[in-house]
Amino acid sequence: MNAMNKQMKATWRMMVGTALLWAALAALVYVPSSGGVARGAIIACLGFFCFASGLALFADGLKRDIVEQLRRDRHDHAA
């Protein structure tokens, strides 16, 4: 049960990270056509925030997934 919970947390982090990366891409596409300097700056800042947090969440989820797979393999080989 605990291993499944860790697997679900890792998957959740990767999915949210991917969604934030898509939001950052949408902001990157929208900035040139935003029309105003202030609006473009705000959207660019939000896009950068989405990119940074999405990349961090995705990388953390991927790391947790790899670590859990290694623990499972080590436990299977030890038994």
N, C-alpha and C. Protein backbone atom coordinates (compact mmCIF):
# COMPACT_ATOMS: atom_id res chain seq x y z
N MET A 1 0.82 -1.19 0.00
CA MET A 1 0.00 0.00 0.00
C MET A 1 0.87 1.26 0.00
N ASN A 2 1.92 1.25 0.79
CA ASN A 2 2.79 2.42 0.87
C ASN A 2 3.51 2.65 -0.45
N ALA A 3 3.93 1.58 -1.11
CA ALA A 3 4.61 1.72 -2.39
C ALA A 3 3.66 2.30 -3.44
N MET A 4 2.40 1.88 -3.42
CA MET A 4 1.43 2.40 -4.38
C MET A 4 1.17 3.88 -4.12
N ASN A 5 1.15 4.26 -2.85
CA ASN A 5 0.94 5.66 -2.50
C ASN A 5 2.09 6.51 -3.03
N LYS A 6 3.32 6.03 -2.90
CA LYS A 6 4.48 6.76 -3.42
C LYS A 6 4.43 6.83 -4.93
N GLN A 7 4.00 5.75 -5.56
CA GLN A 7 3.88 5.73 -7.02
C GLN A 7 2.84 6.75 -7.48
N MET A 8 1.73 6.85 -6.77
CA MET A 8 0.68 7.79 -7.14
C MET A 8 1.15 9.24 -6.94
N LYS A 9 1.92 9.49 -5.88
CA LYS A 9 2.44 10.84 -5.67
C LYS A 9 3.41 11.23 -6.77
N ALA A 10 4.25 10.30 -7.18
CA ALA A 10 5.20 10.58 -8.26
C ALA A 10 4.46 10.84 -9.57
N THR A 11 3.45 10.06 -9.85
CA THR A 11 2.67 10.24 -11.08
C THR A 11 1.92 11.57 -11.05
N TRP A 12 1.37 11.91 -9.89
CA TRP A 12 0.66 13.17 -9.75
C TRP A 12 1.60 14.34 -10.01
N ARG A 13 2.79 14.29 -9.46
CA ARG A 13 3.76 15.38 -9.66
C ARG A 13 4.14 15.50 -11.13
N MET A 14 4.34 14.37 -11.80
CA MET A 14 4.70 14.44 -13.21
C MET A 14 3.56 14.99 -14.06
N MET A 15 2.32 14.63 -13.74
CA MET A 15 1.18 15.14 -14.51
C MET A 15 0.98 16.63 -14.30
N VAL A 16 1.07 17.10 -13.06
CA VAL A 16 0.92 18.53 -12.79
C VAL A 16 2.08 19.30 -13.42
N GLY A 17 3.27 18.75 -13.34
CA GLY A 17 4.43 19.39 -13.97
C GLY A 17 4.25 19.51 -15.47
N THR A 18 3.73 18.47 -16.10
CA THR A 18 3.49 18.51 -17.54
C THR A 18 2.43 19.56 -17.89
N ALA A 19 1.38 19.65 -17.07
CA ALA A 19 0.34 20.66 -17.32
C ALA A 19 0.91 22.07 -17.20
N LEU A 20 1.78 22.29 -16.21
CA LEU A 20 2.39 23.61 -16.06
C LEU A 20 3.34 23.93 -17.21
N LEU A 21 4.03 22.92 -17.71
CA LEU A 21 4.90 23.14 -18.88
C LEU A 21 4.08 23.51 -20.11
N TRP A 22 2.92 22.90 -20.28
CA TRP A 22 2.03 23.27 -21.38
C TRP A 22 1.51 24.69 -21.22
N ALA A 23 1.21 25.08 -19.97
CA ALA A 23 0.75 26.45 -19.72
C ALA A 23 1.87 27.45 -20.04
N ALA A 24 3.10 27.09 -19.73
CA ALA A 24 4.24 27.96 -20.05
C ALA A 24 4.40 28.09 -21.56
N LEU A 25 4.20 27.00 -22.28
CA LEU A 25 4.28 27.06 -23.74
C LEU A 25 3.17 27.95 -24.30
N ALA A 26 1.98 27.85 -23.75
CA ALA A 26 0.88 28.71 -24.20
C ALA A 26 1.19 30.17 -23.92
N ALA A 27 1.80 30.47 -22.79
CA ALA A 27 2.18 31.85 -22.48
C ALA A 27 3.25 32.34 -23.45
N LEU A 28 4.19 31.48 -23.79
CA LEU A 28 5.25 31.84 -24.73
C LEU A 28 4.66 32.18 -26.10
N VAL A 29 3.66 31.44 -26.51
CA VAL A 29 3.02 31.70 -27.81
C VAL A 29 2.17 32.97 -27.74
N TYR A 30 1.57 33.25 -26.59
CA TYR A 30 0.65 34.38 -26.47
C TYR A 30 1.36 35.73 -26.34
N VAL A 31 2.55 35.76 -25.74
CA VAL A 31 3.23 37.02 -25.44
C VAL A 31 3.41 37.92 -26.66
N PRO A 32 3.88 37.43 -27.80
CA PRO A 32 4.06 38.35 -28.94
C PRO A 32 2.76 38.99 -29.43
N SER A 33 1.64 38.34 -29.25
CA SER A 33 0.38 38.89 -29.74
C SER A 33 -0.45 39.53 -28.63
N SER A 34 0.14 39.76 -27.47
CA SER A 34 -0.64 40.27 -26.33
C SER A 34 -1.08 41.72 -26.53
N GLY A 35 -0.36 42.49 -27.33
CA GLY A 35 -0.79 43.85 -27.63
C GLY A 35 -0.17 44.91 -26.75
N GLY A 36 -0.18 44.76 -25.48
CA GLY A 36 0.35 45.79 -24.58
C GLY A 36 1.65 45.35 -23.93
N VAL A 37 2.46 46.33 -23.57
CA VAL A 37 3.74 46.04 -22.93
C VAL A 37 3.52 45.47 -21.54
N ALA A 38 2.61 46.08 -20.78
CA ALA A 38 2.35 45.63 -19.42
C ALA A 38 1.73 44.23 -19.42
N ARG A 39 0.78 44.02 -20.29
CA ARG A 39 0.13 42.71 -20.36
C ARG A 39 1.14 41.64 -20.79
N GLY A 40 1.99 41.97 -21.75
CA GLY A 40 3.00 41.02 -22.21
C GLY A 40 3.99 40.68 -21.11
N ALA A 41 4.37 41.68 -20.31
CA ALA A 41 5.30 41.44 -19.20
C ALA A 41 4.68 40.56 -18.14
N ILE A 42 3.43 40.79 -17.84
CA ILE A 42 2.74 39.97 -16.82
C ILE A 42 2.62 38.53 -17.31
N ILE A 43 2.21 38.35 -18.56
CA ILE A 43 2.07 37.00 -19.11
C ILE A 43 3.43 36.31 -19.19
N ALA A 44 4.47 37.06 -19.54
CA ALA A 44 5.81 36.47 -19.59
C ALA A 44 6.27 36.01 -18.21
N CYS A 45 6.00 36.82 -17.20
CA CYS A 45 6.36 36.43 -15.82
C CYS A 45 5.59 35.20 -15.38
N LEU A 46 4.30 35.18 -15.66
CA LEU A 46 3.50 34.00 -15.31
C LEU A 46 3.97 32.76 -16.08
N GLY A 47 4.34 32.95 -17.33
CA GLY A 47 4.85 31.84 -18.13
C GLY A 47 6.15 31.30 -17.57
N PHE A 48 7.03 32.20 -17.16
CA PHE A 48 8.30 31.77 -16.57
C PHE A 48 8.04 31.03 -15.26
N PHE A 49 7.13 31.53 -14.44
CA PHE A 49 6.79 30.86 -13.19
C PHE A 49 6.23 29.47 -13.46
N CYS A 50 5.35 29.35 -14.44
CA CYS A 50 4.79 28.04 -14.81
C CYS A 50 5.89 27.10 -15.30
N PHE A 51 6.80 27.63 -16.10
CA PHE A 51 7.88 26.81 -16.62
C PHE A 51 8.78 26.30 -15.49
N ALA A 52 9.19 27.20 -14.61
CA ALA A 52 10.10 26.81 -13.53
C ALA A 52 9.45 25.83 -12.58
N SER A 53 8.22 26.09 -12.17
CA SER A 53 7.56 25.17 -11.24
C SER A 53 7.19 23.87 -11.93
N GLY A 54 6.79 23.92 -13.18
CA GLY A 54 6.46 22.69 -13.91
C GLY A 54 7.66 21.80 -14.11
N LEU A 55 8.79 22.41 -14.45
CA LEU A 55 10.01 21.63 -14.63
C LEU A 55 10.46 21.02 -13.30
N ALA A 56 10.36 21.78 -12.23
CA ALA A 56 10.75 21.26 -10.91
C ALA A 56 9.84 20.11 -10.48
N LEU A 57 8.53 20.27 -10.66
CA LEU A 57 7.61 19.20 -10.28
C LEU A 57 7.81 17.95 -11.13
N PHE A 58 7.98 18.13 -12.44
CA PHE A 58 8.17 16.98 -13.30
C PHE A 58 9.46 16.23 -12.95
N ALA A 59 10.54 16.99 -12.73
CA ALA A 59 11.82 16.36 -12.39
C ALA A 59 11.73 15.64 -11.04
N ASP A 60 11.06 16.24 -10.07
CA ASP A 60 10.91 15.61 -8.76
C ASP A 60 10.06 14.34 -8.86
N GLY A 61 8.99 14.40 -9.63
CA GLY A 61 8.16 13.21 -9.82
C GLY A 61 8.91 12.09 -10.52
N LEU A 62 9.71 12.45 -11.52
CA LEU A 62 10.51 11.46 -12.23
C LEU A 62 11.55 10.83 -11.31
N LYS A 63 12.18 11.67 -10.48
CA LYS A 63 13.17 11.17 -9.52
C LYS A 63 12.52 10.21 -8.53
N ARG A 64 11.35 10.59 -8.00
CA ARG A 64 10.65 9.72 -7.05
C ARG A 64 10.26 8.39 -7.69
N ASP A 65 9.84 8.44 -8.95
CA ASP A 65 9.47 7.22 -9.65
C ASP A 65 10.67 6.30 -9.84
N ILE A 66 11.80 6.86 -10.22
CA ILE A 66 13.01 6.05 -10.42
C ILE A 66 13.49 5.46 -9.10
N VAL A 67 13.49 6.27 -8.05
CA VAL A 67 13.94 5.78 -6.74
C VAL A 67 13.03 4.66 -6.25
N GLU A 68 11.73 4.80 -6.44
CA GLU A 68 10.80 3.76 -6.00
C GLU A 68 11.00 2.47 -6.80
N GLN A 69 11.25 2.58 -8.09
CA GLN A 69 11.51 1.38 -8.90
C GLN A 69 12.79 0.70 -8.45
N LEU A 70 13.82 1.47 -8.14
CA LEU A 70 15.07 0.88 -7.65
C LEU A 70 14.87 0.20 -6.31
N ARG A 71 14.09 0.82 -5.42
CA ARG A 71 13.81 0.18 -4.13
C ARG A 71 13.04 -1.12 -4.31
N ARG A 72 12.07 -1.10 -5.21
CA ARG A 72 11.29 -2.32 -5.46
C ARG A 72 12.17 -3.43 -6.03
N ASP A 73 13.05 -3.08 -6.98
CA ASP A 73 13.96 -4.08 -7.56
C ASP A 73 14.93 -4.61 -6.52
N ARG A 74 15.43 -3.75 -5.68
CA ARG A 74 16.36 -4.18 -4.63
C ARG A 74 15.65 -5.11 -3.64
N HIS A 75 14.40 -4.76 -3.30
CA HIS A 75 13.64 -5.60 -2.38
C HIS A 75 13.31 -6.95 -3.01
N ASP A 76 13.01 -6.95 -4.31
CA ASP A 76 12.71 -8.21 -5.00
C ASP A 76 13.94 -9.10 -5.08
N HIS A 77 15.11 -8.53 -5.31
CA HIS A 77 16.33 -9.32 -5.41
C HIS A 77 16.78 -9.83 -4.05
N ALA A 78 16.48 -9.06 -3.00
CA ALA A 78 16.90 -9.48 -1.66
C ALA A 78 16.03 -10.62 -1.15
N ALA A 79 14.81 -10.69 -1.61
CA ALA A 79 13.87 -11.73 -1.11
C ALA A 79 14.08 -13.06 -1.78
